[in-house]
C-alpha atoms as a PDB file:
ATOM      1  CA  MET A   1       0.000   0.000   0.000  1.00  0.00           C
ATOM      2  CA  SER A   2       2.887   2.381   0.693  1.00  0.00           C
ATOM      3  CA  GLU A   3       3.955   2.315  -2.954  1.00  0.00           C
ATOM      4  CA  GLN A   4       0.510   3.552  -4.020  1.00  0.00           C
ATOM      5  CA  GLN A   5       0.622   6.585  -1.780  1.00  0.00           C
ATOM      6  CA  PRO A   6       0.991   9.866  -3.701  1.00  0.00           C
ATOM      7  CA  ARG A   7       3.724  12.287  -2.775  1.00  0.00           C
ATOM      8  CA  PRO A   8       2.490  14.882  -0.260  1.00  0.00           C
ATOM      9  CA  GLY A   9       2.456  18.475  -1.386  1.00  0.00           C
ATOM     10  CA  GLN A  10       4.746  19.303   1.527  1.00  0.00           C
ATOM     11  CA  ALA A  11       7.399  16.927   0.137  1.00  0.00           C
ATOM     12  CA  THR A  12       7.113  18.556  -3.300  1.00  0.00           C
ATOM     13  CA  LEU A  13       7.523  22.001  -1.744  1.00  0.00           C
ATOM     14  CA  ALA A  14      10.538  20.787   0.253  1.00  0.00           C
ATOM     15  CA  GLY A  15      12.249  19.427  -2.859  1.00  0.00           C
ATOM     16  CA  ALA A  16      11.570  22.643  -4.780  1.00  0.00           C
ATOM     17  CA  LEU A  17      12.981  24.783  -1.960  1.00  0.00           C
ATOM     18  CA  ILE A  18      16.088  22.614  -1.685  1.00  0.00           C
ATOM     19  CA  ILE A  19      16.845  22.555  -5.413  1.00  0.00           C
ATOM     20  CA  GLY A  20      15.920  26.177  -6.152  1.00  0.00           C
ATOM     21  CA  GLY A  21      17.619  27.570  -3.055  1.00  0.00           C
ATOM     22  CA  SER A  22      20.774  25.537  -3.693  1.00  0.00           C
ATOM     23  CA  VAL A  23      21.068  26.823  -7.250  1.00  0.00           C
ATOM     24  CA  PHE A  24      20.777  30.428  -6.088  1.00  0.00           C
ATOM     25  CA  VAL A  25      23.269  29.842  -3.272  1.00  0.00           C
ATOM     26  CA  VAL A  26      25.818  28.599  -5.827  1.00  0.00           C
ATOM     27  CA  LEU A  27      25.212  31.608  -8.079  1.00  0.00           C
ATOM     28  CA  ALA A  28      25.404  34.039  -5.159  1.00  0.00           C
ATOM     29  CA  ALA A  29      28.628  32.429  -3.900  1.00  0.00           C
ATOM     30  CA  TRP A  30      30.408  32.736  -7.243  1.00  0.00           C
ATOM     31  CA  GLN A  31      29.114  36.279  -7.679  1.00  0.00           C
ATOM     32  CA  ARG A  32      30.523  37.140  -4.255  1.00  0.00           C
ATOM     33  CA  ILE A  33      33.905  35.578  -5.057  1.00  0.00           C
ATOM     34  CA  SER A  34      34.156  37.405  -8.384  1.00  0.00           C
ATOM     35  CA  THR A  35      33.687  40.809  -6.728  1.00  0.00           C
ATOM     36  CA  LEU A  36      36.066  40.412  -3.771  1.00  0.00           C
ATOM     37  CA  HIS A  37      38.932  42.089  -5.655  1.00  0.00           C
ATOM     38  CA  THR A  38      36.964  45.219  -6.594  1.00  0.00           C
ATOM     39  CA  ILE A  39      37.671  48.547  -4.949  1.00  0.00           C
ATOM     40  CA  ALA A  40      34.138  48.919  -3.618  1.00  0.00           C
ATOM     41  CA  VAL A  41      34.258  45.561  -1.847  1.00  0.00           C
ATOM     42  CA  GLN A  42      37.730  46.263  -0.454  1.00  0.00           C
ATOM     43  CA  GLU A  43      36.475  49.541   1.012  1.00  0.00           C
ATOM     44  CA  GLU A  44      33.504  47.704   2.463  1.00  0.00           C
ATOM     45  CA  LEU A  45      35.770  45.134   4.074  1.00  0.00           C
ATOM     46  CA  GLN A  46      37.944  47.887   5.543  1.00  0.00           C
ATOM     47  CA  LYS A  47      34.828  49.451   7.049  1.00  0.00           C
ATOM     48  CA  VAL A  48      33.764  46.096   8.504  1.00  0.00           C
ATOM     49  CA  LEU A  49      37.166  45.643  10.158  1.00  0.00           C
ATOM     50  CA  THR A  50      36.796  48.963  11.980  1.00  0.00           C
ATOM     51  CA  GLU A  51      33.641  47.840  13.770  1.00  0.00           C
ATOM     52  CA  PRO A  52      33.947  46.809  17.448  1.00  0.00           C
ATOM     53  CA  MET A  53      33.009  43.169  16.837  1.00  0.00           C
ATOM     54  CA  THR A  54      35.708  42.608  14.186  1.00  0.00           C
ATOM     55  CA  ALA A  55      38.412  45.074  15.221  1.00  0.00           C
ATOM     56  CA  ASP A  56      40.039  42.569  17.603  1.00  0.00           C
ATOM     57  CA  LEU A  57      40.276  39.702  15.108  1.00  0.00           C
ATOM     58  CA  GLY A  58      43.699  40.764  13.873  1.00  0.00           C
ATOM     59  CA  LEU A  59      42.720  40.529  10.194  1.00  0.00           C
ATOM     60  CA  ASP A  60      43.354  42.879   7.324  1.00  0.00           C
ATOM     61  CA  ALA A  61      41.213  43.299   4.215  1.00  0.00           C
ATOM     62  CA  ASP A  62      43.055  40.554   2.320  1.00  0.00           C
ATOM     63  CA  GLY A  63      42.683  38.094   5.193  1.00  0.00           C
ATOM     64  CA  LEU A  64      38.970  38.802   5.524  1.00  0.00           C
ATOM     65  CA  ALA A  65      38.539  38.419   1.778  1.00  0.00           C
ATOM     66  CA  THR A  66      40.312  35.042   1.925  1.00  0.00           C
ATOM     67  CA  MET A  67      38.020  33.905   4.744  1.00  0.00           C
ATOM     68  CA  ILE A  68      34.946  34.977   2.791  1.00  0.00           C
ATOM     69  CA  ARG A  69      36.241  33.170  -0.297  1.00  0.00           C
ATOM     70  CA  ILE A  70      36.706  29.942   1.687  1.00  0.00           C
ATOM     71  CA  LEU A  71      33.225  30.206   3.205  1.00  0.00           C
ATOM     72  CA  CYS A  72      31.733  30.843  -0.232  1.00  0.00           C
ATOM     73  CA  LEU A  73      33.492  27.775  -1.615  1.00  0.00           C
ATOM     74  CA  VAL A  74      32.207  25.677   1.281  1.00  0.00           C
ATOM     75  CA  GLY A  75      28.666  26.990   0.775  1.00  0.00           C
ATOM     76  CA  ALA A  76      28.817  26.469  -2.988  1.00  0.00           C
ATOM     77  CA  GLY A  77      30.064  22.899  -2.584  1.00  0.00           C
ATOM     78  CA  ALA A  78      27.391  22.048  -0.020  1.00  0.00           C
ATOM     79  CA  ALA A  79      24.713  23.698  -2.163  1.00  0.00           C
ATOM     80  CA  THR A  80      25.816  21.729  -5.225  1.00  0.00           C
ATOM     81  CA  ALA A  81      25.531  18.482  -3.290  1.00  0.00           C
ATOM     82  CA  SER A  82      22.144  19.476  -1.840  1.00  0.00           C
ATOM     83  CA  ALA A  83      20.803  20.327  -5.314  1.00  0.00           C
ATOM     84  CA  ILE A  84      21.693  16.820  -6.499  1.00  0.00           C
ATOM     85  CA  LEU A  85      20.265  15.244  -3.362  1.00  0.00           C
ATOM     86  CA  GLY A  86      17.135  17.367  -3.703  1.00  0.00           C
ATOM     87  CA  ILE A  87      16.236  15.430  -6.852  1.00  0.00           C
ATOM     88  CA  GLN A  88      16.262  12.241  -4.769  1.00  0.00           C
ATOM     89  CA  VAL A  89      13.707  13.797  -2.432  1.00  0.00           C
ATOM     90  CA  PHE A  90      11.024  13.292  -5.080  1.00  0.00           C
ATOM     91  CA  LYS A  91      11.985   9.593  -5.165  1.00  0.00           C
ATOM     92  CA  ARG A  92      11.566   9.179  -1.384  1.00  0.00           C
ATOM     93  CA  SER A  93      15.226   8.458  -0.736  1.00  0.00           C
ATOM     94  CA  ALA A  94      15.804   8.144   3.008  1.00  0.00           C
ATOM     95  CA  SER A  95      19.599   8.304   2.585  1.00  0.00           C
ATOM     96  CA  ALA A  96      19.255  11.599   0.692  1.00  0.00           C
ATOM     97  CA  ARG A  97      17.241  13.030   3.565  1.00  0.00           C
ATOM     98  CA  VAL A  98      19.945  12.041   6.065  1.00  0.00           C
ATOM     99  CA  ALA A  99      22.695  13.456   3.829  1.00  0.00           C
ATOM    100  CA  LEU A 100      20.809  16.748   3.425  1.00  0.00           C
ATOM    101  CA  THR A 101      20.448  17.007   7.188  1.00  0.00           C
ATOM    102  CA  ALA A 102      24.201  16.486   7.565  1.00  0.00           C
ATOM    103  CA  LEU A 103      24.861  19.258   5.004  1.00  0.00           C
ATOM    104  CA  ALA A 104      22.637  21.768   6.819  1.00  0.00           C
ATOM    105  CA  PRO A 105      25.414  23.225   9.063  1.00  0.00           C
ATOM    106  CA  LEU A 106      27.729  23.709   6.065  1.00  0.00           C
ATOM    107  CA  LEU A 107      24.934  25.396   4.132  1.00  0.00           C
ATOM    108  CA  PHE A 108      24.239  27.742   7.025  1.00  0.00           C
ATOM    109  CA  VAL A 109      27.876  28.700   7.570  1.00  0.00           C
ATOM    110  CA  GLY A 110      28.581  29.033   3.849  1.00  0.00           C
ATOM    111  CA  GLY A 111      25.390  30.985   3.272  1.00  0.00           C
ATOM    112  CA  LEU A 112      26.472  33.674   5.735  1.00  0.00           C
ATOM    113  CA  ALA A 113      29.241  34.726   3.335  1.00  0.00           C
ATOM    114  CA  THR A 114      27.034  35.025   0.258  1.00  0.00           C
ATOM    115  CA  ALA A 115      25.424  38.280  -0.721  1.00  0.00           C
ATOM    116  CA  GLY A 116      21.941  36.871  -1.201  1.00  0.00           C
ATOM    117  CA  PHE A 117      21.767  34.867   2.062  1.00  0.00           C
ATOM    118  CA  LEU A 118      19.475  32.302   0.414  1.00  0.00           C
ATOM    119  CA  ALA A 119      20.637  29.339   2.475  1.00  0.00           C
ATOM    120  CA  PRO A 120      17.576  29.576   4.799  1.00  0.00           C
ATOM    121  CA  MET A 121      15.431  28.449   1.859  1.00  0.00           C
ATOM    122  CA  VAL A 122      17.371  25.193   1.664  1.00  0.00           C
ATOM    123  CA  LEU A 123      17.300  24.786   5.427  1.00  0.00           C
ATOM    124  CA  ALA A 124      13.529  25.290   5.460  1.00  0.00           C
ATOM    125  CA  GLY A 125      13.146  22.602   2.799  1.00  0.00           C
ATOM    126  CA  ILE A 126      15.290  20.193   4.825  1.00  0.00           C
ATOM    127  CA  ALA A 127      13.190  20.872   7.927  1.00  0.00           C
ATOM    128  CA  LEU A 128       9.987  20.078   5.995  1.00  0.00           C
ATOM    129  CA  LEU A 129      11.347  16.599   5.250  1.00  0.00           C
ATOM    130  CA  TRP A 130      11.079  15.715   8.956  1.00  0.00           C
ATOM    131  CA  LEU A 131       7.551  17.064   9.501  1.00  0.00           C
ATOM    132  CA  GLN A 132       4.184  15.419   8.895  1.00  0.00           C
ATOM    133  CA  PRO A 133       2.906  14.209   6.477  1.00  0.00           C
ATOM    134  CA  THR A 134       6.301  13.887   4.745  1.00  0.00           C
ATOM    135  CA  ARG A 135       7.633  11.875   7.665  1.00  0.00           C
ATOM    136  CA  ASP A 136       4.845   9.302   7.228  1.00  0.00           C
ATOM    137  CA  TRP A 137       5.504   9.217   3.483  1.00  0.00           C
ATOM    138  CA  TYR A 138       9.194   8.456   4.024  1.00  0.00           C
ATOM    139  CA  ALA A 139       8.331   5.757   6.570  1.00  0.00           C
ATOM    140  CA  GLY A 140       6.008   4.058   4.074  1.00  0.00           C
ATOM    141  CA  ARG A 141       2.935   4.708   6.176  1.00  0.00           C
ATOM    142  CA  PRO A 142      -0.380   5.553   4.442  1.00  0.00           C
ATOM    143  CA  TRP A 143      -0.307   9.246   5.233  1.00  0.00           C
ATOM    144  CA  ALA A 144      -3.414  10.058   3.171  1.00  0.00           C
ATOM    145  CA  GLN A 145      -5.524   7.415   4.926  1.00  0.00           C
ATOM    146  CA  ARG A 146      -4.309   8.539   8.332  1.00  0.00           C
ATOM    147  CA  LEU A 147      -5.230  12.103   7.487  1.00  0.00           C
ATOM    148  CA  GLU A 148      -8.710  11.007   6.411  1.00  0.00           C
ATOM    149  CA  GLU A 149      -9.116   8.966   9.598  1.00  0.00           C
ATOM    150  CA  ARG A 150      -8.259  11.971  11.750  1.00  0.00           C
ATOM    151  CA  GLN A 151     -10.724  14.105   9.827  1.00  0.00           C
ATOM    152  CA  ALA A 152     -13.449  11.432  10.119  1.00  0.00           C
ATOM    153  CA  ALA A 153     -12.873  11.135  13.861  1.00  0.00           C
ATOM    154  CA  ARG A 154     -13.065  14.894  14.247  1.00  0.00           C
ATOM    155  CA  LEU A 155     -16.288  15.034  12.229  1.00  0.00           C
ATOM    156  CA  ALA A 156     -17.813  12.161  14.242  1.00  0.00           C
ATOM    157  CA  ALA A 157     -17.018  13.988  17.470  1.00  0.00           C
ATOM    158  CA  ILE A 158     -18.746  17.115  16.175  1.00  0.00           C
ATOM    159  CA  ARG A 159     -21.821  15.108  15.122  1.00  0.00           C
ATOM    160  CA  SER A 160     -22.086  13.322  18.473  1.00  0.00           C
ATOM    161  CA  ALA A 161     -21.802  16.625  20.315  1.00  0.00           C
ATOM    162  CA  THR A 162     -24.563  18.094  18.115  1.00  0.00           C
ATOM    163  CA  GLN A 163     -26.868  15.113  18.670  1.00  0.00           C
ATOM    164  CA  SER A 164     -26.316  15.125  22.431  1.00  0.00           C
ATOM    165  CA  GLY A 165     -27.160  18.816  22.474  1.00  0.00           C
ATOM    166  CA  ARG A 166     -30.420  18.156  20.646  1.00  0.00           C
ATOM    167  CA  SER A 167     -31.407  15.349  23.041  1.00  0.00           C
ATOM    168  CA  THR A 168     -30.836  17.550  26.092  1.00  0.00           C
ATOM    169  CA  ARG A 169     -32.852  20.397  24.616  1.00  0.00           C
ATOM    170  CA  THR A 170     -35.896  18.287  23.528  1.00  0.00           C
ATOM    171  CA  PRO A 171     -36.527  15.427  26.030  1.00  0.00           C
ATOM    172  CA  PRO A 172     -38.838  12.594  24.884  1.00  0.00           C
ATOM    173  CA  PRO A 173     -42.490  12.929  25.946  1.00  0.00           C
ATOM    174  CA  GLY A 174     -43.538  11.085  29.168  1.00  0.00           C
ATOM    175  CA  PRO A 175     -46.663   9.007  29.775  1.00  0.00           C
ATOM    176  CA  SER A 176     -48.664  12.048  30.782  1.00  0.00           C
ATOM    177  CA  GLN A 177     -47.790  13.701  27.510  1.00  0.00           C
ATOM    178  CA  GLN A 178     -49.073  10.869  25.312  1.00  0.00           C
ATOM    179  CA  PRO A 179     -51.812  12.103  23.003  1.00  0.00           C
ATOM    180  CA  HIS A 180     -55.361  10.846  23.754  1.00  0.00           C
ATOM    181  CA  GLN A 181     -56.436   8.234  21.246  1.00  0.00           C
ATOM    182  CA  PRO A 182     -60.095   8.101  20.279  1.00  0.00           C
ATOM    183  CA  GLY A 183     -62.028   5.093  21.641  1.00  0.00           C
ATOM    184  CA  HIS A 184     -60.074   4.846  24.877  1.00  0.00           C
ATOM    185  CA  LEU A 185     -60.908   6.387  28.194  1.00  0.00           C
ATOM    186  CA  PRO A 186     -58.290   8.318  30.083  1.00  0.00           C
ATOM    187  CA  GLY A 187     -56.495   6.241  32.694  1.00  0.00           C
ATOM    188  CA  HIS A 188     -56.990   2.932  30.839  1.00  0.00           C
ATOM    189  CA  LEU A 189     -54.315   1.150  28.872  1.00  0.00           C
ATOM    190  CA  PRO A 190     -54.964   1.291  25.153  1.00  0.00           C
ATOM    191  CA  GLY A 191     -55.470  -1.901  23.257  1.00  0.00           C
ATOM    192  CA  PRO A 192     -53.670  -2.947  20.140  1.00  0.00           C
ATOM    193  CA  VAL A 193     -53.752  -0.314  17.470  1.00  0.00           C
ATOM    194  CA  ALA A 194     -54.191  -1.333  13.891  1.00  0.00           C
ATOM    195  CA  GLY A 195     -51.790   0.115  11.385  1.00  0.00           C
ATOM    196  CA  PRO A 196     -48.303   1.419  11.843  1.00  0.00           C
ATOM    197  CA  VAL A 197     -47.272   3.039  15.062  1.00  0.00           C
ATOM    198  CA  ILE A 198     -46.471   6.654  14.472  1.00  0.00           C
ATOM    199  CA  GLY A 199     -43.412   7.679  16.409  1.00  0.00           C
ATOM    200  CA  ALA A 200     -41.194  10.679  16.488  1.00  0.00           C
ATOM    201  CA  ALA A 201     -39.937  11.516  13.028  1.00  0.00           C
ATOM    202  CA  PRO A 202     -36.161  11.463  12.707  1.00  0.00           C
ATOM    203  CA  PRO A 203     -34.657  14.881  12.160  1.00  0.00           C
ATOM    204  CA  LEU A 204     -34.007  15.757   8.568  1.00  0.00           C
ATOM    205  CA  ARG A 205     -30.343  16.140   7.723  1.00  0.00           C
ATOM    206  CA  GLY A 206     -28.942  17.922   4.759  1.00  0.00           C
ATOM    207  CA  PRO A 207     -25.481  17.385   3.321  1.00  0.00           C
ATOM    208  CA  VAL A 208     -23.004  17.515   6.180  1.00  0.00           C
ATOM    209  CA  VAL A 209     -20.028  19.797   5.592  1.00  0.00           C
ATOM    210  CA  GLY A 210     -16.964  19.065   7.664  1.00  0.00           C
ATOM    211  CA  PRO A 211     -15.149  21.691   9.678  1.00  0.00           C
ATOM    212  CA  ARG A 212     -12.996  24.184   7.865  1.00  0.00           C
ATOM    213  CA  PRO A 213      -9.519  22.619   7.406  1.00  0.00           C
ATOM    214  CA  PRO A 214      -6.767  24.141   9.554  1.00  0.00           C
ATOM    215  CA  ALA A 215      -4.575  24.397   6.451  1.00  0.00           C
ATOM    216  CA  LEU A 216      -7.123  26.745   4.840  1.00  0.00           C
ATOM    217  CA  VAL A 217      -7.336  28.868   7.977  1.00  0.00           C
ATOM    218  CA  ALA A 218      -3.541  29.096   8.155  1.00  0.00           C
ATOM    219  CA  ALA A 219      -3.257  30.018   4.458  1.00  0.00           C
ATOM    220  CA  CYS A 220      -5.819  32.818   4.783  1.00  0.00           C
ATOM    221  CA  ALA A 221      -4.163  34.106   7.955  1.00  0.00           C
ATOM    222  CA  ILE A 222      -0.689  34.136   6.358  1.00  0.00           C
ATOM    223  CA  THR A 223      -2.094  35.915   3.309  1.00  0.00           C
ATOM    224  CA  CYS A 224      -3.659  38.663   5.420  1.00  0.00           C
ATOM    225  CA  VAL A 225      -0.526  39.149   7.524  1.00  0.00           C
ATOM    226  CA  VAL A 226       1.735  39.347   4.458  1.00  0.00           C
ATOM    227  CA  ALA A 227      -0.667  41.672   2.627  1.00  0.00           C
ATOM    228  CA  VAL A 228      -0.979  44.059   5.581  1.00  0.00           C
ATOM    229  CA  THR A 229       2.811  44.068   6.008  1.00  0.00           C
ATOM    230  CA  VAL A 230       3.270  44.871   2.316  1.00  0.00           C
ATOM    231  CA  VAL A 231       0.782  47.737   2.531  1.00  0.00           C
ATOM    232  CA  LEU A 232       2.605  49.200   5.546  1.00  0.00           C
ATOM    233  CA  VAL A 233       5.980  48.895   3.803  1.00  0.00           C
ATOM    234  CA  VAL A 234       4.575  50.569   0.678  1.00  0.00           C
ATOM    235  CA  ALA A 235       3.168  53.402   2.795  1.00  0.00           C
ATOM    236  CA  GLY A 236       6.607  53.938   4.315  1.00  0.00           C
ATOM    237  CA  MET A 237       8.232  53.931   0.886  1.00  0.00           C
ATOM    238  CA  VAL A 238       5.738  56.479  -0.412  1.00  0.00           C
ATOM    239  CA  ALA A 239       6.477  58.765   2.522  1.00  0.00           C
ATOM    240  CA  TYR A 240      10.221  58.388   1.979  1.00  0.00           C
ATOM    241  CA  VAL A 241      10.052  59.098  -1.774  1.00  0.00           C
ATOM    242  CA  ALA A 242       7.836  62.123  -1.180  1.00  0.00           C
ATOM    243  CA  ALA A 243      10.303  63.572   1.340  1.00  0.00           C
ATOM    244  CA  ASN A 244      13.522  62.613  -0.506  1.00  0.00           C
ATOM    245  CA  SER A 245      12.662  62.703  -4.194  1.00  0.00           C
ATOM    246  CA  GLU A 246      15.862  64.532  -5.104  1.00  0.00           C
ATOM    247  CA  GLN A 247      18.024  62.012  -3.273  1.00  0.00           C
ATOM    248  CA  VAL A 248      16.193  59.096  -4.935  1.00  0.00           C
ATOM    249  CA  PHE A 249      16.764  60.630  -8.373  1.00  0.00           C
ATOM    250  CA  ALA A 250      20.440  61.249  -7.554  1.00  0.00           C
ATOM    251  CA  ASP A 251      20.900  57.637  -6.462  1.00  0.00           C
ATOM    252  CA  VAL A 252      19.320  56.323  -9.652  1.00  0.00           C
ATOM    253  CA  MET A 253      21.431  58.720 -11.730  1.00  0.00           C
ATOM    254  CA  ARG A 254      24.575  57.443 -10.020  1.00  0.00           C
ATOM    255  CA  ASP A 255      23.680  53.760 -10.440  1.00  0.00           C
ATOM    256  CA  GLN A 256      22.082  53.881 -13.907  1.00  0.00           C
ATOM    257  CA  PRO A 257      23.470  56.926 -15.750  1.00  0.00           C
ATOM    258  CA  SER A 258      23.255  55.348 -19.208  1.00  0.00           C
ATOM    259  CA  TRP A 259      19.583  54.430 -18.729  1.00  0.00           C
ATOM    260  CA  LEU A 260      18.678  57.987 -17.727  1.00  0.00           C
ATOM    261  CA  ASP A 261      20.575  59.418 -20.692  1.00  0.00           C
ATOM    262  CA  THR A 262      18.879  57.172 -23.232  1.00  0.00           C
ATOM    263  CA  SER A 263      15.369  57.385 -21.769  1.00  0.00           C
ATOM    264  CA  GLN A 264      15.480  61.118 -20.946  1.00  0.00           C
ATOM    265  CA  VAL A 265      13.644  60.535 -17.656  1.00  0.00           C
ATOM    266  CA  THR A 266      13.262  63.543 -15.409  1.00  0.00           C
ATOM    267  CA  GLU A 267      12.921  63.566 -11.641  1.00  0.00           C
ATOM    268  CA  ARG A 268       9.160  64.071 -11.888  1.00  0.00           C
ATOM    269  CA  ASP A 269       8.797  61.153 -14.303  1.00  0.00           C
ATOM    270  CA  LEU A 270      10.848  58.855 -12.065  1.00  0.00           C
ATOM    271  CA  VAL A 271       8.845  59.725  -8.945  1.00  0.00           C
ATOM    272  CA  ALA A 272       5.560  59.271 -10.831  1.00  0.00           C
ATOM    273  CA  GLY A 273       6.711  55.860 -12.079  1.00  0.00           C
ATOM    274  CA  ILE A 274       7.618  54.803  -8.541  1.00  0.00           C
ATOM    275  CA  TYR A 275       4.179  55.888  -7.311  1.00  0.00           C
ATOM    276  CA  VAL A 276       2.467  53.874 -10.048  1.00  0.00           C
ATOM    277  CA  LEU A 277       4.539  50.798  -9.206  1.00  0.00           C
ATOM    278  CA  LEU A 278       3.788  51.106  -5.496  1.00  0.00           C
ATOM    279  CA  ALA A 279       0.082  51.613  -6.245  1.00  0.00           C
ATOM    280  CA  GLY A 280       0.082  48.381  -8.250  1.00  0.00           C
ATOM    281  CA  VAL A 281       1.730  46.510  -5.377  1.00  0.00           C
ATOM    282  CA  THR A 282      -0.861  47.909  -2.959  1.00  0.00           C
ATOM    283  CA  ALA A 283      -3.720  46.849  -5.259  1.00  0.00           C
ATOM    284  CA  CYS A 284      -2.312  43.310  -5.416  1.00  0.00           C
ATOM    285  CA  ALA A 285      -2.036  43.162  -1.629  1.00  0.00           C
ATOM    286  CA  LEU A 286      -5.604  44.387  -1.098  1.00  0.00           C
ATOM    287  CA  GLY A 287      -6.857  41.982  -3.775  1.00  0.00           C
ATOM    288  CA  ALA A 288      -5.133  39.119  -1.941  1.00  0.00           C
ATOM    289  CA  ILE A 289      -7.011  40.038   1.244  1.00  0.00           C
ATOM    290  CA  VAL A 290     -10.333  39.998  -0.645  1.00  0.00           C
ATOM    291  CA  LEU A 291      -9.525  36.619  -2.230  1.00  0.00           C
ATOM    292  CA  ALA A 292      -8.509  35.215   1.164  1.00  0.00           C
ATOM    293  CA  ALA A 293     -11.832  36.306   2.656  1.00  0.00           C
ATOM    294  CA  LEU A 294     -13.802  34.745  -0.219  1.00  0.00           C
ATOM    295  CA  ALA A 295     -11.784  31.533  -0.016  1.00  0.00           C
ATOM    296  CA  PHE A 296     -12.374  31.412   3.724  1.00  0.00           C
ATOM    297  CA  VAL A 297     -16.164  31.469   3.296  1.00  0.00           C
ATOM    298  CA  GLY A 298     -16.073  28.687   0.704  1.00  0.00           C
ATOM    299  CA  GLN A 299     -15.499  30.174  -2.769  1.00  0.00           C
ATOM    300  CA  ASN A 300     -13.330  27.656  -4.608  1.00  0.00           C
ATOM    301  CA  TRP A 301     -12.503  29.991  -7.505  1.00  0.00           C
ATOM    302  CA  ALA A 302     -11.048  32.472  -4.992  1.00  0.00           C
ATOM    303  CA  ARG A 303      -8.856  29.721  -3.538  1.00  0.00           C
ATOM    304  CA  ILE A 304      -7.523  28.852  -7.002  1.00  0.00           C
ATOM    305  CA  LEU A 305      -6.789  32.482  -7.879  1.00  0.00           C
ATOM    306  CA  LEU A 306      -5.154  33.030  -4.508  1.00  0.00           C
ATOM    307  CA  ALA A 307      -2.923  29.963  -4.989  1.00  0.00           C
ATOM    308  CA  ILE A 308      -1.887  31.131  -8.466  1.00  0.00           C
ATOM    309  CA  GLY A 309      -1.156  34.636  -7.193  1.00  0.00           C
ATOM    310  CA  ALA A 310       0.854  33.343  -4.230  1.00  0.00           C
ATOM    311  CA  ALA A 311       2.933  31.060  -6.467  1.00  0.00           C
ATOM    312  CA  SER A 312       3.605  33.917  -8.919  1.00  0.00           C
ATOM    313  CA  GLY A 313       4.550  36.252  -6.077  1.00  0.00           C
ATOM    314  CA  ALA A 314       6.912  33.647  -4.620  1.00  0.00           C
ATOM    315  CA  ALA A 315       8.671  33.260  -7.976  1.00  0.00           C
ATOM    316  CA  LEU A 316       9.046  37.043  -8.357  1.00  0.00           C
ATOM    317  CA  ALA A 317      10.245  37.480  -4.781  1.00  0.00           C
ATOM    318  CA  LEU A 318      12.757  34.656  -5.277  1.00  0.00           C
ATOM    319  CA  PHE A 319      14.240  36.518  -8.241  1.00  0.00           C
ATOM    320  CA  LEU A 320      14.381  39.807  -6.336  1.00  0.00           C
ATOM    321  CA  ALA A 321      15.906  38.104  -3.291  1.00  0.00           C
ATOM    322  CA  LEU A 322      19.245  37.949  -5.116  1.00  0.00           C
ATOM    323  CA  GLY A 323      19.657  41.632  -4.358  1.00  0.00           C
ATOM    324  CA  ALA A 324      17.701  41.858  -1.105  1.00  0.00           C
ATOM    325  CA  TRP A 325      17.986  38.743   1.070  1.00  0.00           C
ATOM    326  CA  PRO A 326      15.152  39.680   3.520  1.00  0.00           C
ATOM    327  CA  LEU A 327      12.751  38.840   0.690  1.00  0.00           C
ATOM    328  CA  VAL A 328      13.520  35.178   1.430  1.00  0.00           C
ATOM    329  CA  ILE A 329      10.974  35.453   4.255  1.00  0.00           C
ATOM    330  CA  LEU A 330       8.362  36.591   1.736  1.00  0.00           C
ATOM    331  CA  VAL A 331       9.281  33.686  -0.561  1.00  0.00           C
ATOM    332  CA  ALA A 332       8.805  31.183   2.263  1.00  0.00           C
ATOM    333  CA  ALA A 333       5.458  32.717   3.294  1.00  0.00           C
ATOM    334  CA  LEU A 334       4.034  32.755  -0.248  1.00  0.00           C
ATOM    335  CA  ALA A 335       5.301  29.270  -1.053  1.00  0.00           C
ATOM    336  CA  GLY A 336       3.830  27.955   2.185  1.00  0.00           C
ATOM    337  CA  THR A 337       0.491  29.598   1.393  1.00  0.00           C
ATOM    338  CA  THR A 338       0.425  27.943  -2.022  1.00  0.00           C
ATOM    339  CA  SER A 339       1.176  24.556  -0.498  1.00  0.00           C
ATOM    340  CA  LEU A 340      -1.538  24.938   2.144  1.00  0.00           C
ATOM    341  CA  LEU A 341      -4.182  25.972  -0.375  1.00  0.00           C
ATOM    342  CA  LEU A 342      -3.441  22.947  -2.564  1.00  0.00           C
ATOM    343  CA  ARG A 343      -3.526  20.336   0.187  1.00  0.00           C
ATOM    344  CA  PRO A 344      -5.899  17.371  -0.413  1.00  0.00           C
ATOM    345  CA  GLU A 345      -8.091  18.037   2.634  1.00  0.00           C
ATOM    346  CA  VAL A 346      -8.665  21.616   1.504  1.00  0.00           C
ATOM    347  CA  SER A 347      -9.739  20.500  -1.973  1.00  0.00           C
ATOM    348  CA  ARG A 348     -12.090  17.871  -0.499  1.00  0.00           C
ATOM    349  CA  TRP A 349     -13.655  20.462   1.795  1.00  0.00           C
ATOM    350  CA  TYR A 350     -14.579  22.654  -1.184  1.00  0.00           C
ATOM    351  CA  VAL A 351     -15.954  19.661  -3.109  1.00  0.00           C
ATOM    352  CA  GLY A 352     -18.207  18.724  -0.166  1.00  0.00           C
ATOM    353  CA  ARG A 353     -19.896  22.102  -0.026  1.00  0.00           C
END
């Protein structure tokens, strides 16, 4: 039976995080190594060595650059091995899971030296391999059946509680409450009655809908938290651009002088373009909140659109994380939301409505 079990969505997400994160760690490591000899990086290293935490290490800029190069090589080597082992995750290789766990410390230490700091993606994927239901899948246990059994037990408990509540609210009628039958005097036992005995009619039950899956609740909650955070960050960026528009234009002119010369963009045009971009991001965040609310109340089309949007946002954030490593948190949140929305129990809950 274990061979017939499908791969859990959590295992698929773990393999994708391990392979994708490892590839980006390798690219970030080689990019970091290739820029260690530049003047800008040397000045940055000199500034780092003047800080209180590193001033007592006894290193110069060349020594720190050598240490960073070694750490990058260690991280790149561990990431290369984890990318290869990540393919074995889809084949339910227990030895690959153990090897990935052993590589986790090297990935963490090597990832600290890379510019993108994408190693936490790989570490999150490795952690998912040891959580349910992936742990049951690796052990050969029928994880889907066990999940259905837990849901059936939970639904049975809710039904029994509902029925016991009905019985306590409407007690059965006593002897004094029996209706008077024609042809019999009060106080005498009735004789046999011809025809069927009419008893209490069983309560009519419509289609029973199980409780809302916890995975759906978690996905909607994560979506709302991420969307509200994005709106707050956008509001802060709007306030900053409005107060420092000249500085923003000067920074762009310093970083992209050829683009400004060819496009003939003025300061007003650049600020207006930034406002339009931030307005689009805000609209997407507010739309995600609306879709999460509709999916929460049972609209399946909203769940599908929300899953597609979360997956697209995770892919975009993963690309942007090469230049801003804190976006890795956004990648993990959006990827987790997509996985939760596509879980089997969530799909079955929408079908049963």
